[in-house]
Amino acid sequence: MAAAQVLLDEIHQDLPVQPNDHNAYILGSIGKHNVVIACLPYGQYGIASATTVAMQLLSSFRSIRLGLMVGIGGGVPNEDVDIRLGDVVFSKPTNTHGGVVQFDYGKALSGGEFQRTGMLSHPPQILLTALAKLQANHITGQRPFMKFLAEIERKVPQQSSNLARPSQEDVLYLAGYTYVDTSSKTCNGCDTTKTVPRPSRDPNQPMVHYGLIVSANQVVKDSQLRDQLGHEL
């Protein structure tokens, strides 16, 4: 929420909301567009919580035209897509999916088979057009988001490290390797022979990727499930 607030050109005063709206908002504008920023309550995550926030927002601000969901997630790297910690992913529809897939919503069939049915429809045409232009700029070497990162550092220099891309090297371990000390917040004791070799990259240059985003009501920390979802989708 703080990172989004810093990118506002102007911050507006609060407005009255509906009695059943318990969200906290930041109002402002970017260029000629009025913006409403909301976030999930502290410690909550998942589709149900996000739906509640969105419904309450729409009840108080009925002229909203477009909604963008921004957040963090785990990447699904493979031989073709070298996604790493701190990179940016834009949802992009495919021939069979609308851009976002709810992987844990579907039908349990006989034999342990699971038929996935949770899928969002395609984004509005105006967003798909903007996505095409964004991808074209990316291909031609234009990286406007670097300007936005510099703007954050200029506006809040004392907090720039908290809002910046992680500086540490992103180490990827083999999917079958499990670190036994789950209470540790670091991987200092992990077996370095179980890592996946990857070429070095400029730590100050986050990469942009386009593809499906998988959503669910649970946090996925199983690397084998992660790779399975990447293979299926």
C-alpha atoms as a PDB file:
ATOM      1  CA  MET A   1       0.000   0.000   0.000  1.00  0.00           C
ATOM      2  CA  ALA A   2       2.869   2.355   0.821  1.00  0.00           C
ATOM      3  CA  ALA A   3       4.570   1.745  -2.530  1.00  0.00           C
ATOM      4  CA  ALA A   4       1.347   2.552  -4.393  1.00  0.00           C
ATOM      5  CA  GLN A   5       0.794   5.692  -2.328  1.00  0.00           C
ATOM      6  CA  VAL A   6       4.249   7.027  -3.171  1.00  0.00           C
ATOM      7  CA  LEU A   7       3.465   6.782  -6.895  1.00  0.00           C
ATOM      8  CA  LEU A   8       0.429   9.070  -6.627  1.00  0.00           C
ATOM      9  CA  ASP A   9       0.850  12.512  -8.169  1.00  0.00           C
ATOM     10  CA  GLU A  10      -1.604  13.978  -5.649  1.00  0.00           C
ATOM     11  CA  ILE A  11      -3.185  12.702  -2.435  1.00  0.00           C
ATOM     12  CA  HIS A  12      -6.828  13.627  -1.826  1.00  0.00           C
ATOM     13  CA  GLN A  13      -8.839  13.972   1.344  1.00  0.00           C
ATOM     14  CA  ASP A  14     -10.843  11.011   2.615  1.00  0.00           C
ATOM     15  CA  LEU A  15     -14.466  10.679   1.518  1.00  0.00           C
ATOM     16  CA  PRO A  16     -17.457   9.172   3.350  1.00  0.00           C
ATOM     17  CA  VAL A  17     -17.967   5.441   2.780  1.00  0.00           C
ATOM     18  CA  GLN A  18     -20.838   3.025   3.308  1.00  0.00           C
ATOM     19  CA  PRO A  19     -21.550   1.946   6.917  1.00  0.00           C
ATOM     20  CA  ASN A  20     -20.697  -1.682   6.092  1.00  0.00           C
ATOM     21  CA  ASP A  21     -17.392  -0.733   4.447  1.00  0.00           C
ATOM     22  CA  HIS A  22     -14.518  -1.533   6.815  1.00  0.00           C
ATOM     23  CA  ASN A  23     -11.687  -0.913   4.354  1.00  0.00           C
ATOM     24  CA  ALA A  24      -8.982   1.692   4.837  1.00  0.00           C
ATOM     25  CA  TYR A  25      -8.400   3.794   1.726  1.00  0.00           C
ATOM     26  CA  ILE A  26      -5.858   6.162   0.268  1.00  0.00           C
ATOM     27  CA  LEU A  27      -7.348   8.489  -2.337  1.00  0.00           C
ATOM     28  CA  GLY A  28      -5.382  10.368  -4.947  1.00  0.00           C
ATOM     29  CA  SER A  29      -4.679  10.808  -8.623  1.00  0.00           C
ATOM     30  CA  ILE A  30      -2.159   9.747 -11.249  1.00  0.00           C
ATOM     31  CA  GLY A  31      -2.263  12.095 -14.212  1.00  0.00           C
ATOM     32  CA  LYS A  32      -5.932  12.647 -15.065  1.00  0.00           C
ATOM     33  CA  HIS A  33      -7.104   9.469 -13.337  1.00  0.00           C
ATOM     34  CA  ASN A  34      -8.562   9.400  -9.840  1.00  0.00           C
ATOM     35  CA  VAL A  35      -7.279   6.424  -7.859  1.00  0.00           C
ATOM     36  CA  VAL A  36      -8.587   4.505  -4.850  1.00  0.00           C
ATOM     37  CA  ILE A  37      -6.017   2.339  -3.053  1.00  0.00           C
ATOM     38  CA  ALA A  38      -7.090  -0.396  -0.648  1.00  0.00           C
ATOM     39  CA  CYS A  39      -5.328  -3.403   0.813  1.00  0.00           C
ATOM     40  CA  LEU A  40      -6.203  -6.573   2.668  1.00  0.00           C
ATOM     41  CA  PRO A  41      -6.372  -6.398   6.480  1.00  0.00           C
ATOM     42  CA  TYR A  42      -3.087  -7.145   8.211  1.00  0.00           C
ATOM     43  CA  GLY A  43      -2.324 -10.855   8.323  1.00  0.00           C
ATOM     44  CA  GLN A  44      -5.095 -11.851   5.911  1.00  0.00           C
ATOM     45  CA  TYR A  45      -4.665 -13.280   2.433  1.00  0.00           C
ATOM     46  CA  GLY A  46      -6.532 -15.374  -0.090  1.00  0.00           C
ATOM     47  CA  ILE A  47      -9.383 -15.007  -2.528  1.00  0.00           C
ATOM     48  CA  ALA A  48     -12.115 -14.680   0.096  1.00  0.00           C
ATOM     49  CA  SER A  49     -10.422 -11.723   1.808  1.00  0.00           C
ATOM     50  CA  ALA A  50      -9.652 -10.053  -1.523  1.00  0.00           C
ATOM     51  CA  THR A  51     -13.268 -10.466  -2.628  1.00  0.00           C
ATOM     52  CA  THR A  52     -14.533  -8.836   0.565  1.00  0.00           C
ATOM     53  CA  VAL A  53     -12.240  -5.848   0.099  1.00  0.00           C
ATOM     54  CA  ALA A  54     -13.277  -5.453  -3.553  1.00  0.00           C
ATOM     55  CA  MET A  55     -17.006  -5.695  -2.848  1.00  0.00           C
ATOM     56  CA  GLN A  56     -16.846  -3.151  -0.030  1.00  0.00           C
ATOM     57  CA  LEU A  57     -14.788  -0.812  -2.209  1.00  0.00           C
ATOM     58  CA  LEU A  58     -17.337  -0.978  -5.021  1.00  0.00           C
ATOM     59  CA  SER A  59     -20.173  -0.290  -2.596  1.00  0.00           C
ATOM     60  CA  SER A  60     -18.560   3.002  -1.557  1.00  0.00           C
ATOM     61  CA  PHE A  61     -17.018   4.052  -4.886  1.00  0.00           C
ATOM     62  CA  ARG A  62     -19.579   3.179  -7.533  1.00  0.00           C
ATOM     63  CA  SER A  63     -17.865   5.008 -10.388  1.00  0.00           C
ATOM     64  CA  ILE A  64     -14.815   2.733 -10.411  1.00  0.00           C
ATOM     65  CA  ARG A  65     -14.029   1.784 -14.033  1.00  0.00           C
ATOM     66  CA  LEU A  66     -11.025  -0.495 -13.697  1.00  0.00           C
ATOM     67  CA  GLY A  67      -9.527  -2.552 -10.908  1.00  0.00           C
ATOM     68  CA  LEU A  68      -5.893  -3.648 -10.699  1.00  0.00           C
ATOM     69  CA  MET A  69      -4.790  -6.272  -8.200  1.00  0.00           C
ATOM     70  CA  VAL A  70      -1.156  -5.863  -7.216  1.00  0.00           C
ATOM     71  CA  GLY A  71       0.737  -8.047  -4.793  1.00  0.00           C
ATOM     72  CA  ILE A  72       3.548 -10.466  -4.172  1.00  0.00           C
ATOM     73  CA  GLY A  73       3.765 -14.115  -5.108  1.00  0.00           C
ATOM     74  CA  GLY A  74       6.078 -17.009  -5.760  1.00  0.00           C
ATOM     75  CA  GLY A  75       7.534 -17.423  -9.218  1.00  0.00           C
ATOM     76  CA  VAL A  76       7.487 -20.636 -11.247  1.00  0.00           C
ATOM     77  CA  PRO A  77      10.850 -20.713 -13.027  1.00  0.00           C
ATOM     78  CA  ASN A  78      11.618 -23.130 -15.832  1.00  0.00           C
ATOM     79  CA  GLU A  79      14.081 -23.538 -18.689  1.00  0.00           C
ATOM     80  CA  ASP A  80      12.296 -20.909 -20.773  1.00  0.00           C
ATOM     81  CA  VAL A  81      11.430 -18.369 -18.055  1.00  0.00           C
ATOM     82  CA  ASP A  82      14.169 -17.398 -15.602  1.00  0.00           C
ATOM     83  CA  ILE A  83      11.942 -15.673 -13.067  1.00  0.00           C
ATOM     84  CA  ARG A  84      13.620 -14.611  -9.835  1.00  0.00           C
ATOM     85  CA  LEU A  85      12.912 -12.873  -6.550  1.00  0.00           C
ATOM     86  CA  GLY A  86      12.092  -9.217  -7.208  1.00  0.00           C
ATOM     87  CA  ASP A  87      10.999  -9.669 -10.828  1.00  0.00           C
ATOM     88  CA  VAL A  88       7.658  -8.361 -12.091  1.00  0.00           C
ATOM     89  CA  VAL A  89       4.902 -10.505 -13.624  1.00  0.00           C
ATOM     90  CA  PHE A  90       1.980  -9.158 -15.645  1.00  0.00           C
ATOM     91  CA  SER A  91      -1.051 -11.354 -16.126  1.00  0.00           C
ATOM     92  CA  LYS A  92      -1.431 -12.282 -19.791  1.00  0.00           C
ATOM     93  CA  PRO A  93      -4.293 -14.379 -21.218  1.00  0.00           C
ATOM     94  CA  THR A  94      -3.610 -17.523 -23.228  1.00  0.00           C
ATOM     95  CA  ASN A  95      -5.733 -19.461 -25.689  1.00  0.00           C
ATOM     96  CA  THR A  96      -7.276 -21.470 -22.845  1.00  0.00           C
ATOM     97  CA  HIS A  97      -7.103 -19.175 -19.807  1.00  0.00           C
ATOM     98  CA  GLY A  98      -8.099 -15.610 -19.086  1.00  0.00           C
ATOM     99  CA  GLY A  99      -4.879 -14.628 -17.353  1.00  0.00           C
ATOM    100  CA  VAL A 100      -5.625 -15.696 -13.761  1.00  0.00           C
ATOM    101  CA  VAL A 101      -6.383 -19.270 -12.675  1.00  0.00           C
ATOM    102  CA  GLN A 102      -7.711 -20.406  -9.292  1.00  0.00           C
ATOM    103  CA  PHE A 103      -5.840 -23.686  -9.034  1.00  0.00           C
ATOM    104  CA  ASP A 104      -7.648 -25.113  -5.993  1.00  0.00           C
ATOM    105  CA  TYR A 105     -11.188 -24.649  -7.325  1.00  0.00           C
ATOM    106  CA  GLY A 106     -12.721 -27.512  -9.287  1.00  0.00           C
ATOM    107  CA  LYS A 107     -14.143 -31.020  -9.178  1.00  0.00           C
ATOM    108  CA  ALA A 108     -12.691 -34.088  -7.457  1.00  0.00           C
ATOM    109  CA  LEU A 109     -13.139 -36.971  -9.903  1.00  0.00           C
ATOM    110  CA  SER A 110     -12.707 -40.704  -9.483  1.00  0.00           C
ATOM    111  CA  GLY A 111      -9.200 -42.095  -9.288  1.00  0.00           C
ATOM    112  CA  GLY A 112      -7.894 -39.028  -7.476  1.00  0.00           C
ATOM    113  CA  GLU A 113      -8.116 -36.844 -10.562  1.00  0.00           C
ATOM    114  CA  PHE A 114      -8.853 -33.143 -10.043  1.00  0.00           C
ATOM    115  CA  GLN A 115     -10.588 -31.137 -12.757  1.00  0.00           C
ATOM    116  CA  ARG A 116      -9.756 -27.461 -12.388  1.00  0.00           C
ATOM    117  CA  THR A 117     -12.642 -25.094 -13.170  1.00  0.00           C
ATOM    118  CA  GLY A 118     -11.645 -21.855 -11.455  1.00  0.00           C
ATOM    119  CA  MET A 119     -10.702 -19.279 -14.086  1.00  0.00           C
ATOM    120  CA  LEU A 120     -11.330 -15.570 -14.474  1.00  0.00           C
ATOM    121  CA  SER A 121     -12.619 -14.134 -17.726  1.00  0.00           C
ATOM    122  CA  HIS A 122     -10.384 -12.085 -20.007  1.00  0.00           C
ATOM    123  CA  PRO A 123      -9.510  -8.543 -18.844  1.00  0.00           C
ATOM    124  CA  PRO A 124     -11.261  -5.565 -20.485  1.00  0.00           C
ATOM    125  CA  GLN A 125     -10.097  -4.602 -23.966  1.00  0.00           C
ATOM    126  CA  ILE A 126      -8.557  -1.356 -22.729  1.00  0.00           C
ATOM    127  CA  LEU A 127      -6.234  -3.267 -20.387  1.00  0.00           C
ATOM    128  CA  LEU A 128      -5.269  -5.774 -23.070  1.00  0.00           C
ATOM    129  CA  THR A 129      -4.366  -2.868 -25.356  1.00  0.00           C
ATOM    130  CA  ALA A 130      -2.253  -1.307 -22.612  1.00  0.00           C
ATOM    131  CA  LEU A 131      -0.590  -4.686 -22.024  1.00  0.00           C
ATOM    132  CA  ALA A 132       0.327  -4.948 -25.717  1.00  0.00           C
ATOM    133  CA  LYS A 133       1.942  -1.501 -25.637  1.00  0.00           C
ATOM    134  CA  LEU A 134       3.751  -2.303 -22.396  1.00  0.00           C
ATOM    135  CA  GLN A 135       5.161  -5.497 -23.870  1.00  0.00           C
ATOM    136  CA  ALA A 136       6.241  -3.665 -27.028  1.00  0.00           C
ATOM    137  CA  ASN A 137       8.079  -1.082 -24.918  1.00  0.00           C
ATOM    138  CA  HIS A 138       9.743  -3.900 -23.029  1.00  0.00           C
ATOM    139  CA  ILE A 139      10.909  -5.599 -26.240  1.00  0.00           C
ATOM    140  CA  THR A 140      12.392  -2.346 -27.567  1.00  0.00           C
ATOM    141  CA  GLY A 141      14.342  -1.778 -24.357  1.00  0.00           C
ATOM    142  CA  GLN A 142      12.131   0.867 -22.761  1.00  0.00           C
ATOM    143  CA  ARG A 143      11.926   0.327 -18.997  1.00  0.00           C
ATOM    144  CA  PRO A 144       9.660   3.051 -17.558  1.00  0.00           C
ATOM    145  CA  PHE A 145       9.248   1.230 -14.246  1.00  0.00           C
ATOM    146  CA  MET A 146      12.894   2.000 -13.442  1.00  0.00           C
ATOM    147  CA  LYS A 147      11.859   5.661 -13.435  1.00  0.00           C
ATOM    148  CA  PHE A 148       9.117   4.829 -10.949  1.00  0.00           C
ATOM    149  CA  LEU A 149      11.578   3.033  -8.671  1.00  0.00           C
ATOM    150  CA  ALA A 150      13.824   6.092  -8.768  1.00  0.00           C
ATOM    151  CA  GLU A 151      10.806   8.261  -7.919  1.00  0.00           C
ATOM    152  CA  ILE A 152      10.110   6.159  -4.827  1.00  0.00           C
ATOM    153  CA  GLU A 153      13.713   6.559  -3.689  1.00  0.00           C
ATOM    154  CA  ARG A 154      13.512  10.316  -4.228  1.00  0.00           C
ATOM    155  CA  LYS A 155      10.256  10.755  -2.294  1.00  0.00           C
ATOM    156  CA  VAL A 156      11.023   8.500   0.667  1.00  0.00           C
ATOM    157  CA  PRO A 157      14.805   7.994   0.779  1.00  0.00           C
ATOM    158  CA  GLN A 158      14.679   6.753   4.366  1.00  0.00           C
ATOM    159  CA  GLN A 159      12.349   3.897   3.332  1.00  0.00           C
ATOM    160  CA  SER A 160      13.726   3.180  -0.129  1.00  0.00           C
ATOM    161  CA  SER A 161      15.466  -0.018   0.999  1.00  0.00           C
ATOM    162  CA  ASN A 162      12.151  -1.437   2.259  1.00  0.00           C
ATOM    163  CA  LEU A 163      10.415  -0.698  -1.047  1.00  0.00           C
ATOM    164  CA  ALA A 164      13.261  -1.740  -3.340  1.00  0.00           C
ATOM    165  CA  ARG A 165      14.002  -4.973  -5.128  1.00  0.00           C
ATOM    166  CA  PRO A 166      15.710  -7.533  -2.822  1.00  0.00           C
ATOM    167  CA  SER A 167      19.467  -7.217  -3.103  1.00  0.00           C
ATOM    168  CA  GLN A 168      20.401 -10.760  -2.121  1.00  0.00           C
ATOM    169  CA  GLU A 169      21.051 -13.460  -4.699  1.00  0.00           C
ATOM    170  CA  ASP A 170      17.969 -15.575  -5.403  1.00  0.00           C
ATOM    171  CA  VAL A 171      19.071 -19.193  -4.972  1.00  0.00           C
ATOM    172  CA  LEU A 172      16.842 -21.856  -6.548  1.00  0.00           C
ATOM    173  CA  TYR A 173      16.935 -25.367  -5.090  1.00  0.00           C
ATOM    174  CA  LEU A 174      15.945 -28.593  -6.782  1.00  0.00           C
ATOM    175  CA  ALA A 175      12.227 -29.295  -6.436  1.00  0.00           C
ATOM    176  CA  GLY A 176      12.824 -32.557  -4.576  1.00  0.00           C
ATOM    177  CA  TYR A 177      15.063 -30.968  -1.925  1.00  0.00           C
ATOM    178  CA  THR A 178      13.442 -30.086   1.409  1.00  0.00           C
ATOM    179  CA  TYR A 179      15.269 -28.154   4.112  1.00  0.00           C
ATOM    180  CA  VAL A 180      14.599 -29.870   7.433  1.00  0.00           C
ATOM    181  CA  ASP A 181      14.788 -26.829   9.744  1.00  0.00           C
ATOM    182  CA  THR A 182      11.469 -25.200   8.864  1.00  0.00           C
ATOM    183  CA  SER A 183      11.724 -22.826  11.858  1.00  0.00           C
ATOM    184  CA  SER A 184      14.673 -20.976  10.298  1.00  0.00           C
ATOM    185  CA  LYS A 185      13.976 -17.806   8.328  1.00  0.00           C
ATOM    186  CA  THR A 186      17.156 -18.194   6.290  1.00  0.00           C
ATOM    187  CA  CYS A 187      18.664 -20.983   4.236  1.00  0.00           C
ATOM    188  CA  ASN A 188      22.194 -20.688   5.591  1.00  0.00           C
ATOM    189  CA  GLY A 189      22.179 -24.371   6.511  1.00  0.00           C
ATOM    190  CA  CYS A 190      20.843 -25.610   3.181  1.00  0.00           C
ATOM    191  CA  ASP A 191      22.795 -28.039   1.030  1.00  0.00           C
ATOM    192  CA  THR A 192      24.403 -25.926  -1.693  1.00  0.00           C
ATOM    193  CA  THR A 193      24.906 -29.009  -3.872  1.00  0.00           C
ATOM    194  CA  LYS A 194      21.117 -29.110  -4.354  1.00  0.00           C
ATOM    195  CA  THR A 195      20.923 -25.771  -6.141  1.00  0.00           C
ATOM    196  CA  VAL A 196      19.957 -25.168  -9.760  1.00  0.00           C
ATOM    197  CA  PRO A 197      22.759 -23.406 -11.700  1.00  0.00           C
ATOM    198  CA  ARG A 198      21.627 -20.094 -13.170  1.00  0.00           C
ATOM    199  CA  PRO A 199      23.525 -17.327 -14.966  1.00  0.00           C
ATOM    200  CA  SER A 200      24.361 -14.171 -13.055  1.00  0.00           C
ATOM    201  CA  ARG A 201      22.146 -11.114 -13.470  1.00  0.00           C
ATOM    202  CA  ASP A 202      22.353  -7.438 -12.621  1.00  0.00           C
ATOM    203  CA  PRO A 203      20.771  -7.223  -9.138  1.00  0.00           C
ATOM    204  CA  ASN A 204      19.523  -3.693  -9.849  1.00  0.00           C
ATOM    205  CA  GLN A 205      17.607  -4.642 -13.005  1.00  0.00           C
ATOM    206  CA  PRO A 206      14.382  -6.552 -12.306  1.00  0.00           C
ATOM    207  CA  MET A 207      13.068  -8.504 -15.265  1.00  0.00           C
ATOM    208  CA  VAL A 208       9.489  -8.297 -16.557  1.00  0.00           C
ATOM    209  CA  HIS A 209       7.554 -11.459 -17.425  1.00  0.00           C
ATOM    210  CA  TYR A 210       4.146 -12.013 -19.030  1.00  0.00           C
ATOM    211  CA  GLY A 211       1.987 -15.069 -18.424  1.00  0.00           C
ATOM    212  CA  LEU A 212      -0.583 -16.782 -16.263  1.00  0.00           C
ATOM    213  CA  ILE A 213      -0.962 -15.951 -12.591  1.00  0.00           C
ATOM    214  CA  VAL A 214      -2.178 -18.739 -10.328  1.00  0.00           C
ATOM    215  CA  SER A 215      -4.291 -17.732  -7.349  1.00  0.00           C
ATOM    216  CA  ALA A 216      -5.688 -19.674  -4.406  1.00  0.00           C
ATOM    217  CA  ASN A 217      -6.828 -19.465  -0.796  1.00  0.00           C
ATOM    218  CA  GLN A 218      -3.595 -21.055   0.388  1.00  0.00           C
ATOM    219  CA  VAL A 219       0.067 -20.139   0.211  1.00  0.00           C
ATOM    220  CA  VAL A 220       2.033 -22.647  -1.873  1.00  0.00           C
ATOM    221  CA  LYS A 221       5.425 -23.505  -0.364  1.00  0.00           C
ATOM    222  CA  ASP A 222       5.705 -26.943  -1.956  1.00  0.00           C
ATOM    223  CA  SER A 223       8.254 -26.771  -4.780  1.00  0.00           C
ATOM    224  CA  GLN A 224       6.992 -29.973  -6.379  1.00  0.00           C
ATOM    225  CA  LEU A 225       3.416 -28.639  -6.468  1.00  0.00           C
ATOM    226  CA  ARG A 226       4.793 -25.395  -7.885  1.00  0.00           C
ATOM    227  CA  ASP A 227       6.499 -27.229 -10.734  1.00  0.00           C
ATOM    228  CA  GLN A 228       3.414 -29.378 -11.304  1.00  0.00           C
ATOM    229  CA  LEU A 229       1.233 -26.288 -11.712  1.00  0.00           C
ATOM    230  CA  GLY A 230       3.780 -24.779 -14.069  1.00  0.00           C
ATOM    231  CA  HIS A 231       3.723 -27.917 -16.206  1.00  0.00           C
ATOM    232  CA  GLU A 232      -0.080 -28.167 -16.264  1.00  0.00           C
ATOM    233  CA  LEU A 233      -0.742 -24.514 -17.022  1.00  0.00           C
END
